[in-house]
Amino acid sequence: MLHENLGINEKGRLTFAGADAVLLAEKYGTPLMLLDEERIRRNIRRYKEALLECFGEGSFPLFASKALCFKGIYRLAKEEGIGMDAVSVGELYTAKAAGFDLSKAYFHGNNKTDADIAYAVENGVGAFVVDNADELLALEKYLASADKKQDILLRITPGIDPHTHKAIVTGSVDSKFGSAIETGQAEEITRLALSLPHIVLKGFHCHVGSQIFDIEPFTEAADIMLRFIAYVAAETGYTAEVLNLGGGLGVKYVEGQPELDYAAVIRDMAAVIKLRASAIGCALPHILLEPGRSLVADAGVTLYTVGSVKTIKGYKSYVSVDGGMPDNPRYALYEAPYTVLLASKAAEKADFICSVVGRCCESGDILQENVDIPKPVRGDILAVLCTGAYNYAMASNYNRIPRPAVVWVKEGADRLAIRRESFEDMTRLEV
């Protein structure tokens, strides 16, 4: 099995976190997203403990909300004692509604509106991650009118290409995010931030991309950022307290991809970072990381009911399910790989090659192509693995299809996390 929270029971069915996936589909209906609570907690603790061990107090993980945002995940993050980052007021609002302390929140985004700025300041956001000079000046203007000060990090682009999908590369010079060191704009915005009376510059942030299995892009980015910190200290006398290296560590979606030990990766990164900081003569700042995918992706499975099985002679076979692009647009966006299993017949030989497609009136509504599963029949339950990140978070009502329910699973027990969206929910705001 792809991950150890998966298995096959005596009935030949797929199990997830100790529960029979077919029984959960019967109980809650499909499409259905399952989340392994203990696996998320384990992933969080590995990051938290490794950062504390390697870098000491003041270094900790922030959950990257964009990966999976709902009230239950913030309650869990609060219980585990980690911070969070948000890229919208909607994410901040959801966290606050769950009782999460927004003083532990870092507010990202390359285009924060005046309303966004006001909401975040008035609700006690711990730090803004400021993307550009326009935002910095708008934040200063609001703070001056409110007679308040605000901690910030500046988002810097170190000019790293991590060789990942171009849509999820964020650290190159030509990026909509941050201020580039190479062009001199990082130094300019740093000097501007230091000159503003209501801005408290705590340090710097960078993020090189997502789904990265090699530590080199992270250590290279850290090296560049540490050199920038040392340069700024020499030029201005300002020494950064915090260096946020973002997120992006990869997750195993299919066989053949590595399964990273995140704690070991952090230890390896720490060894390199400490050596480079010493060589540069830079005091080591507190290190923050922003895992999102690597906390929740492999803790998720989505279940579907097979509707039709169609073979076009001489061409290919299609298996259609009752979800698709609305609950998982990632194949359409990135041709993202997934492992697909037939949960109803998980013990049978996987010798039927097919494309698993959704129900939308859209030729691009594909979940995965050329998968090997036992030949299904109408009514069978099909599982797509590793869907905890960027699936529910990116879900839509395309073709007026309601969003699925989400269920927590813990040691074989299940409880509802998000109710299934109804047709009434979809039309509630319409006049």
Protein backbone atom coordinates (compact mmCIF):
# COMPACT_ATOMS: atom_id res chain seq x y z
CA MET A 1 0.00 0.00 0.00
CA LEU A 2 1.09 3.58 -0.70
CA HIS A 3 1.03 4.62 2.98
CA GLU A 4 0.78 2.66 6.23
CA ASN A 5 -2.67 4.01 7.13
CA LEU A 6 -4.11 1.93 4.28
CA GLY A 7 -4.93 -1.77 4.33
CA ILE A 8 -7.20 -4.56 3.10
CA ASN A 9 -9.62 -6.27 5.47
CA GLU A 10 -11.00 -9.81 5.56
CA LYS A 11 -13.75 -8.80 3.10
CA GLY A 12 -11.14 -7.73 0.55
CA ARG A 13 -12.06 -4.06 0.98
CA LEU A 14 -9.83 -1.04 1.39
CA THR A 15 -9.36 0.19 4.95
CA PHE A 16 -8.30 3.70 5.88
CA ALA A 17 -7.10 4.60 9.38
CA GLY A 18 -8.62 1.34 10.55
CA ALA A 19 -12.07 1.88 9.01
CA ASP A 20 -13.76 0.03 6.14
CA ALA A 21 -13.88 2.56 3.29
CA VAL A 22 -16.93 0.95 1.67
CA LEU A 23 -18.92 1.14 4.92
CA LEU A 24 -18.00 4.83 5.27
CA ALA A 25 -19.20 5.45 1.71
CA GLU A 26 -22.47 3.72 2.53
CA LYS A 27 -22.89 5.73 5.73
CA TYR A 28 -22.06 9.21 4.43
CA GLY A 29 -22.57 8.92 0.68
CA THR A 30 -20.14 9.84 -2.07
CA PRO A 31 -18.14 11.72 -3.14
CA LEU A 32 -16.64 11.62 0.34
CA MET A 33 -13.36 12.95 1.64
CA LEU A 34 -11.78 11.10 4.56
CA LEU A 35 -9.11 12.58 6.84
CA ASP A 36 -6.85 10.52 9.11
CA GLU A 37 -6.68 12.67 12.25
CA GLU A 38 -3.80 10.85 13.88
CA ARG A 39 -1.67 11.02 10.74
CA ILE A 40 -2.06 14.81 10.60
CA ARG A 41 -1.13 15.08 14.27
CA ARG A 42 1.90 12.84 13.70
CA ASN A 43 3.05 14.92 10.73
CA ILE A 44 2.70 18.14 12.75
CA ARG A 45 4.66 16.73 15.68
CA ARG A 46 7.50 15.61 13.45
CA TYR A 47 7.94 19.14 12.11
CA LYS A 48 7.48 20.75 15.51
CA GLU A 49 9.90 18.50 17.35
CA ALA A 50 12.55 18.60 14.63
CA LEU A 51 12.53 22.40 14.39
CA LEU A 52 12.80 22.73 18.17
CA GLU A 53 15.61 20.17 18.31
CA CYS A 54 17.57 21.72 15.45
CA PHE A 55 17.02 25.44 15.96
CA GLY A 56 15.73 25.88 19.52
CA GLU A 57 12.89 27.88 21.01
CA GLY A 58 11.32 30.37 18.64
CA SER A 59 11.59 28.04 15.64
CA PHE A 60 8.33 26.26 14.76
CA PRO A 61 6.01 25.23 11.91
CA LEU A 62 3.09 27.23 10.55
CA PHE A 63 0.25 25.31 8.93
CA ALA A 64 -0.20 26.61 5.37
CA SER A 65 -3.96 27.14 5.35
CA LYS A 66 -4.35 27.17 1.59
CA ALA A 67 -3.77 23.40 1.56
CA LEU A 68 -6.92 22.66 3.57
CA CYS A 69 -9.07 25.28 5.28
CA PHE A 70 -12.00 24.48 7.58
CA LYS A 71 -12.70 25.05 11.25
CA GLY A 72 -11.72 21.56 12.36
CA ILE A 73 -8.18 21.81 11.04
CA TYR A 74 -7.58 24.99 13.05
CA ARG A 75 -8.90 23.38 16.22
CA LEU A 76 -6.40 20.58 15.63
CA ALA A 77 -3.57 23.06 14.96
CA LYS A 78 -4.45 24.90 18.17
CA GLU A 79 -4.35 21.66 20.16
CA GLU A 80 -0.96 20.79 18.66
CA GLY A 81 0.44 24.24 19.51
CA ILE A 82 1.59 25.40 16.09
CA GLY A 83 1.09 28.62 14.16
CA MET A 84 -0.66 29.10 10.84
CA ASP A 85 -0.28 31.16 7.73
CA ALA A 86 -3.19 32.59 5.82
CA VAL A 87 -3.41 34.02 2.32
CA SER A 88 -6.82 35.62 2.70
CA VAL A 89 -9.14 37.18 5.23
CA GLY A 90 -11.44 34.22 4.63
CA GLU A 91 -8.79 31.91 6.04
CA LEU A 92 -8.20 34.25 8.98
CA TYR A 93 -11.94 34.44 9.64
CA THR A 94 -12.27 30.65 9.59
CA ALA A 95 -9.37 30.22 12.01
CA LYS A 96 -10.80 32.82 14.37
CA ALA A 97 -14.23 31.18 14.20
CA ALA A 98 -12.55 27.94 15.31
CA GLY A 99 -10.99 29.65 18.32
CA PHE A 100 -7.47 29.84 16.90
CA ASP A 101 -5.34 32.63 18.39
CA LEU A 102 -4.58 34.97 15.48
CA SER A 103 -1.49 36.29 17.26
CA LYS A 104 0.03 33.01 15.98
CA ALA A 105 -1.05 33.77 12.42
CA TYR A 106 1.12 35.05 9.57
CA PHE A 107 -0.81 36.89 6.85
CA HIS A 108 0.44 36.33 3.29
CA GLY A 109 -0.77 37.51 -0.09
CA ASN A 110 0.56 39.58 -2.98
CA ASN A 111 -2.49 41.87 -3.11
CA LYS A 112 -3.92 42.63 0.32
CA THR A 113 -6.76 45.12 -0.02
CA ASP A 114 -7.28 48.00 2.37
CA ALA A 115 -10.14 46.02 3.89
CA ASP A 116 -7.84 42.99 4.32
CA ILE A 117 -5.25 45.13 6.08
CA ALA A 118 -7.82 46.63 8.42
CA TYR A 119 -9.33 43.25 9.30
CA ALA A 120 -5.97 41.64 10.04
CA VAL A 121 -4.69 44.52 12.17
CA GLU A 122 -7.92 44.88 14.14
CA ASN A 123 -8.09 41.15 14.79
CA GLY A 124 -4.57 40.93 16.15
CA VAL A 125 -2.73 39.04 13.42
CA GLY A 126 0.73 38.22 14.67
CA ALA A 127 2.66 39.23 11.57
CA PHE A 128 2.09 40.39 8.02
CA VAL A 129 4.26 38.81 5.35
CA VAL A 130 4.55 41.93 3.21
CA ASP A 131 4.88 41.26 -0.49
CA ASN A 132 5.61 44.67 -2.04
CA ALA A 133 6.15 48.38 -1.45
CA ASP A 134 2.55 49.35 -2.23
CA GLU A 135 1.32 47.00 0.48
CA LEU A 136 3.96 48.22 2.90
CA LEU A 137 2.94 51.85 2.45
CA ALA A 138 -0.77 51.00 2.68
CA LEU A 139 -0.14 49.11 5.91
CA GLU A 140 1.87 52.00 7.35
CA LYS A 141 -0.94 54.43 6.44
CA TYR A 142 -3.55 52.32 8.21
CA LEU A 143 -1.34 51.77 11.27
CA ALA A 144 -0.68 55.50 11.53
CA SER A 145 -4.42 56.25 11.48
CA ALA A 146 -5.05 53.58 14.11
CA ASP A 147 -1.98 54.54 16.18
CA LYS A 148 -0.73 50.95 16.19
CA LYS A 149 2.43 49.07 15.33
CA GLN A 150 2.63 45.80 13.43
CA ASP A 151 5.24 43.05 13.19
CA ILE A 152 6.09 42.07 9.63
CA LEU A 153 8.29 39.82 7.55
CA LEU A 154 9.29 40.88 4.06
CA ARG A 155 8.79 38.34 1.30
CA ILE A 156 12.02 38.03 -0.67
CA THR A 157 12.58 36.10 -3.91
CA PRO A 158 15.99 34.42 -3.79
CA GLY A 159 16.06 33.42 -7.48
CA ILE A 160 15.79 29.65 -7.09
CA ASP A 161 14.41 27.22 -9.67
CA PRO A 162 13.52 23.99 -7.83
CA HIS A 163 12.63 22.17 -11.09
CA THR A 164 9.03 21.58 -10.11
CA HIS A 165 5.86 22.33 -12.08
CA LYS A 166 6.01 25.89 -13.41
CA ALA A 167 2.61 26.69 -11.88
CA ILE A 168 3.96 26.04 -8.37
CA VAL A 169 7.39 27.66 -8.66
CA THR A 170 7.40 30.82 -6.55
CA GLY A 171 11.01 31.70 -5.74
CA SER A 172 12.38 32.73 -9.13
CA VAL A 173 13.23 36.34 -9.93
CA ASP A 174 10.37 36.59 -12.42
CA SER A 175 7.52 35.94 -9.99
CA LYS A 176 4.38 37.73 -8.90
CA PHE A 177 5.52 37.16 -5.32
CA GLY A 178 8.00 39.17 -3.29
CA SER A 179 10.98 41.43 -3.98
CA ALA A 180 14.02 40.04 -5.74
CA ILE A 181 17.50 40.22 -4.26
CA GLU A 182 19.08 40.13 -7.71
CA THR A 183 17.37 43.34 -8.89
CA GLY A 184 18.16 45.33 -5.76
CA GLN A 185 14.47 45.62 -4.87
CA ALA A 186 14.83 43.46 -1.76
CA GLU A 187 17.31 45.94 -0.33
CA GLU A 188 15.09 48.87 -1.32
CA ILE A 189 11.99 47.50 0.42
CA THR A 190 14.05 46.58 3.49
CA ARG A 191 15.31 50.13 3.82
CA LEU A 192 11.77 51.41 3.30
CA ALA A 193 10.40 49.13 6.03
CA LEU A 194 13.10 50.24 8.46
CA SER A 195 12.19 53.88 7.82
CA LEU A 196 8.49 53.54 8.66
CA PRO A 197 7.56 54.36 12.26
CA HIS A 198 4.66 51.93 12.67
CA ILE A 199 6.35 48.95 11.01
CA VAL A 200 8.34 46.47 13.11
CA LEU A 201 10.51 44.41 10.78
CA LYS A 202 11.12 41.02 12.38
CA GLY A 203 12.83 39.33 9.46
CA PHE A 204 12.40 37.81 6.03
CA HIS A 205 10.40 35.17 4.22
CA CYS A 206 11.01 33.16 1.06
CA HIS A 207 9.30 30.24 -0.63
CA VAL A 208 10.82 28.46 -3.60
CA GLY A 209 7.99 26.18 -4.73
CA SER A 210 6.03 23.03 -3.96
CA GLN A 211 6.30 19.26 -4.20
CA ILE A 212 10.10 19.27 -3.87
CA PHE A 213 11.91 16.07 -2.87
CA ASP A 214 15.47 17.44 -2.78
CA ILE A 215 16.77 19.53 0.14
CA GLU A 216 19.17 21.44 -2.12
CA PRO A 217 16.67 24.15 -3.20
CA PHE A 218 15.93 24.81 0.47
CA THR A 219 19.55 24.96 1.57
CA GLU A 220 20.46 27.06 -1.46
CA ALA A 221 17.63 29.47 -0.65
CA ALA A 222 18.74 29.56 2.99
CA ASP A 223 22.29 30.34 1.92
CA ILE A 224 21.14 33.22 -0.28
CA MET A 225 18.83 34.54 2.42
CA LEU A 226 21.52 34.31 5.12
CA ARG A 227 23.92 36.21 2.88
CA PHE A 228 21.22 38.83 2.35
CA ILE A 229 20.64 39.08 6.11
CA ALA A 230 24.39 39.53 6.67
CA TYR A 231 24.55 42.16 3.92
CA VAL A 232 21.61 44.09 5.38
CA ALA A 233 23.19 43.98 8.84
CA ALA A 234 26.47 45.35 7.48
CA GLU A 235 24.76 48.09 5.47
CA THR A 236 22.06 49.20 7.90
CA GLY A 237 22.86 47.78 11.32
CA TYR A 238 19.60 45.80 11.29
CA THR A 239 19.80 42.08 12.15
CA ALA A 240 16.85 39.88 11.29
CA GLU A 241 15.37 37.81 14.12
CA VAL A 242 13.35 35.48 11.89
CA LEU A 243 13.93 33.62 8.64
CA ASN A 244 10.87 31.87 7.25
CA LEU A 245 11.89 29.36 4.58
CA GLY A 246 8.32 28.62 3.48
CA GLY A 247 7.04 25.16 2.65
CA GLY A 248 7.15 22.85 -0.32
CA LEU A 249 8.52 19.48 0.82
CA GLY A 250 7.14 16.75 -1.41
CA VAL A 251 4.55 14.06 -0.73
CA LYS A 252 4.40 10.56 -2.18
CA TYR A 253 1.34 10.39 -4.44
CA VAL A 254 2.31 7.33 -6.48
CA GLU A 255 4.72 4.43 -6.30
CA GLY A 256 8.14 5.48 -7.52
CA GLN A 257 8.09 8.78 -5.68
CA PRO A 258 10.10 8.90 -2.45
CA GLU A 259 8.43 9.07 0.95
CA LEU A 260 10.29 11.75 2.84
CA ASP A 261 11.13 11.59 6.52
CA TYR A 262 10.43 15.26 7.24
CA ALA A 263 12.25 15.26 10.57
CA ALA A 264 15.36 13.82 8.92
CA VAL A 265 15.12 16.39 6.11
CA ILE A 266 14.91 19.21 8.67
CA ARG A 267 17.97 17.84 10.47
CA ASP A 268 19.89 17.66 7.19
CA MET A 269 18.79 21.20 6.32
CA ALA A 270 19.81 22.43 9.77
CA ALA A 271 23.31 20.99 9.46
CA VAL A 272 23.87 22.80 6.17
CA ILE A 273 22.23 26.05 7.33
CA LYS A 274 24.33 26.19 10.51
CA LEU A 275 27.55 25.57 8.58
CA ARG A 276 26.73 28.27 6.04
CA ALA A 277 25.67 30.76 8.72
CA SER A 278 28.98 30.19 10.48
CA ALA A 279 30.96 30.57 7.26
CA ILE A 280 29.12 33.78 6.37
CA GLY A 281 29.43 35.15 9.89
CA CYS A 282 25.68 35.53 10.20
CA ALA A 283 23.90 35.09 13.51
CA LEU A 284 21.38 32.29 13.06
CA PRO A 285 17.81 33.65 13.15
CA HIS A 286 14.79 31.71 14.34
CA ILE A 287 13.72 29.38 11.52
CA LEU A 288 10.07 28.99 10.53
CA LEU A 289 8.65 26.54 8.01
CA GLU A 290 5.21 26.53 6.38
CA PRO A 291 4.18 22.94 5.68
CA GLY A 292 0.74 22.47 4.19
CA ARG A 293 0.68 19.61 1.71
CA SER A 294 3.15 17.58 3.77
CA LEU A 295 0.90 17.79 6.85
CA VAL A 296 -2.41 16.82 5.28
CA ALA A 297 -2.05 15.32 1.79
CA ASP A 298 -1.30 11.73 2.76
CA ALA A 299 -3.93 11.94 5.51
CA GLY A 300 -6.70 12.22 2.91
CA VAL A 301 -8.59 9.80 0.69
CA THR A 302 -11.57 10.58 -1.55
CA LEU A 303 -14.22 7.95 -2.22
CA TYR A 304 -16.46 7.85 -5.29
CA THR A 305 -19.21 5.61 -6.58
CA VAL A 306 -18.68 4.11 -10.02
CA GLY A 307 -21.47 5.06 -12.43
CA SER A 308 -20.48 3.59 -15.78
CA VAL A 309 -17.74 1.52 -17.36
CA LYS A 310 -17.25 2.10 -21.08
CA THR A 311 -14.73 0.48 -23.40
CA ILE A 312 -14.18 1.95 -26.86
CA LYS A 313 -12.96 -0.96 -28.94
CA GLY A 314 -9.47 -0.40 -30.23
CA TYR A 315 -9.00 2.69 -28.05
CA LYS A 316 -9.44 2.79 -24.29
CA SER A 317 -11.75 2.24 -21.34
CA TYR A 318 -13.39 4.88 -19.20
CA VAL A 319 -14.64 4.53 -15.64
CA SER A 320 -16.98 7.39 -14.71
CA VAL A 321 -17.55 8.36 -11.08
CA ASP A 322 -19.91 10.70 -9.22
CA GLY A 323 -17.30 13.37 -8.57
CA GLY A 324 -14.34 14.70 -10.50
CA MET A 325 -13.15 18.17 -11.43
CA PRO A 326 -15.38 20.00 -8.90
CA ASP A 327 -13.82 18.20 -5.92
CA ASN A 328 -10.38 17.63 -7.45
CA PRO A 329 -9.27 19.97 -10.25
CA ARG A 330 -5.58 19.15 -9.87
CA TYR A 331 -5.27 16.77 -12.81
CA ALA A 332 -6.90 19.36 -15.07
CA LEU A 333 -4.55 22.05 -13.75
CA TYR A 334 -1.25 20.18 -13.39
CA GLU A 335 -1.78 16.62 -14.64
CA ALA A 336 -1.16 15.76 -11.01
CA PRO A 337 -0.48 12.05 -10.42
CA TYR A 338 -2.67 10.04 -8.04
CA THR A 339 -2.94 6.44 -6.97
CA VAL A 340 -6.38 4.97 -7.66
CA LEU A 341 -7.75 1.83 -6.01
CA LEU A 342 -11.02 -0.02 -6.25
CA ALA A 343 -12.01 0.04 -2.58
CA SER A 344 -14.77 -2.55 -3.03
CA LYS A 345 -12.35 -5.10 -4.54
CA ALA A 346 -8.98 -4.02 -3.15
CA ALA A 347 -7.71 -7.59 -2.88
CA GLU A 348 -8.45 -8.51 -6.49
CA LYS A 349 -5.98 -8.39 -9.36
CA ALA A 350 -5.60 -4.91 -10.87
CA ASP A 351 -5.63 -5.83 -14.55
CA PHE A 352 -8.16 -3.41 -16.05
CA ILE A 353 -6.48 -0.38 -17.63
CA CYS A 354 -8.69 2.69 -17.76
CA SER A 355 -9.06 6.41 -17.40
CA VAL A 356 -11.02 7.49 -14.34
CA VAL A 357 -13.18 10.45 -15.28
CA GLY A 358 -15.69 12.70 -13.59
CA ARG A 359 -19.31 13.55 -14.24
CA CYS A 360 -18.89 17.10 -15.56
CA CYS A 361 -19.78 18.18 -19.08
CA GLU A 362 -16.11 18.84 -19.78
CA SER A 363 -13.64 16.67 -21.70
CA GLY A 364 -10.91 17.72 -19.28
CA ASP A 365 -12.80 16.35 -16.29
CA ILE A 366 -10.29 13.59 -15.60
CA LEU A 367 -9.10 12.28 -12.24
CA GLN A 368 -6.38 10.02 -13.63
CA GLU A 369 -5.46 8.31 -16.87
CA ASN A 370 -4.08 4.84 -17.56
CA VAL A 371 -4.66 3.36 -14.12
CA ASP A 372 -4.70 -0.36 -13.32
CA ILE A 373 -7.61 -1.49 -11.14
CA PRO A 374 -9.82 -4.58 -10.96
CA LYS A 375 -12.64 -4.22 -13.48
CA PRO A 376 -15.39 -2.30 -11.68
CA VAL A 377 -19.15 -2.42 -12.06
CA ARG A 378 -21.77 0.23 -11.41
CA GLY A 379 -22.06 0.85 -7.67
CA ASP A 380 -18.50 -0.11 -6.75
CA ILE A 381 -16.58 2.29 -4.50
CA LEU A 382 -13.40 3.76 -5.98
CA ALA A 383 -10.72 5.51 -3.90
CA VAL A 384 -8.27 8.19 -4.91
CA LEU A 385 -5.41 8.38 -2.41
CA CYS A 386 -3.47 11.28 -0.96
CA THR A 387 -6.19 13.91 -1.46
CA GLY A 388 -5.88 15.81 1.82
CA ALA A 389 -4.21 18.85 0.27
CA TYR A 390 -5.57 21.19 -2.42
CA ASN A 391 -8.64 19.07 -3.10
CA TYR A 392 -11.40 20.30 -0.81
CA ALA A 393 -9.54 23.62 -0.65
CA MET A 394 -9.87 24.04 -4.44
CA ALA A 395 -13.32 22.50 -4.75
CA SER A 396 -15.97 24.34 -6.75
CA ASN A 397 -19.60 24.07 -7.82
CA TYR A 398 -18.79 23.67 -11.50
CA ASN A 399 -21.81 22.23 -13.30
CA ARG A 400 -23.72 23.09 -10.12
CA ILE A 401 -22.39 20.06 -8.27
CA PRO A 402 -22.35 20.34 -4.45
CA ARG A 403 -19.11 20.01 -2.53
CA PRO A 404 -18.58 16.66 -0.77
CA ALA A 405 -18.78 15.86 2.91
CA VAL A 406 -15.55 15.53 4.92
CA VAL A 407 -15.20 12.94 7.68
CA TRP A 408 -12.53 12.54 10.35
CA VAL A 409 -11.33 8.96 10.87
CA LYS A 410 -9.38 8.01 13.98
CA GLU A 411 -8.45 4.44 14.87
CA GLY A 412 -11.43 3.07 13.00
CA ALA A 413 -13.95 5.55 14.41
CA ASP A 414 -15.53 8.26 12.26
CA ARG A 415 -17.13 11.63 12.85
CA LEU A 416 -18.40 14.33 10.53
CA ALA A 417 -16.10 17.32 9.91
CA ILE A 418 -17.97 19.14 7.11
CA ARG A 419 -21.55 18.43 6.08
CA ARG A 420 -22.25 17.67 2.43
CA GLU A 421 -23.26 20.82 0.58
CA SER A 422 -26.90 20.89 -0.49
CA PHE A 423 -28.61 22.47 -3.48
CA GLU A 424 -30.12 24.95 -1.03
CA ASP A 425 -26.64 25.87 0.19
CA MET A 426 -25.57 26.62 -3.38
CA THR A 427 -28.52 28.96 -4.00
CA ARG A 428 -28.71 30.58 -0.57
CA LEU A 429 -27.07 33.87 -1.61
CA GLU A 430 -29.01 34.27 -4.81
CA VAL A 431 -31.78 36.89 -5.13
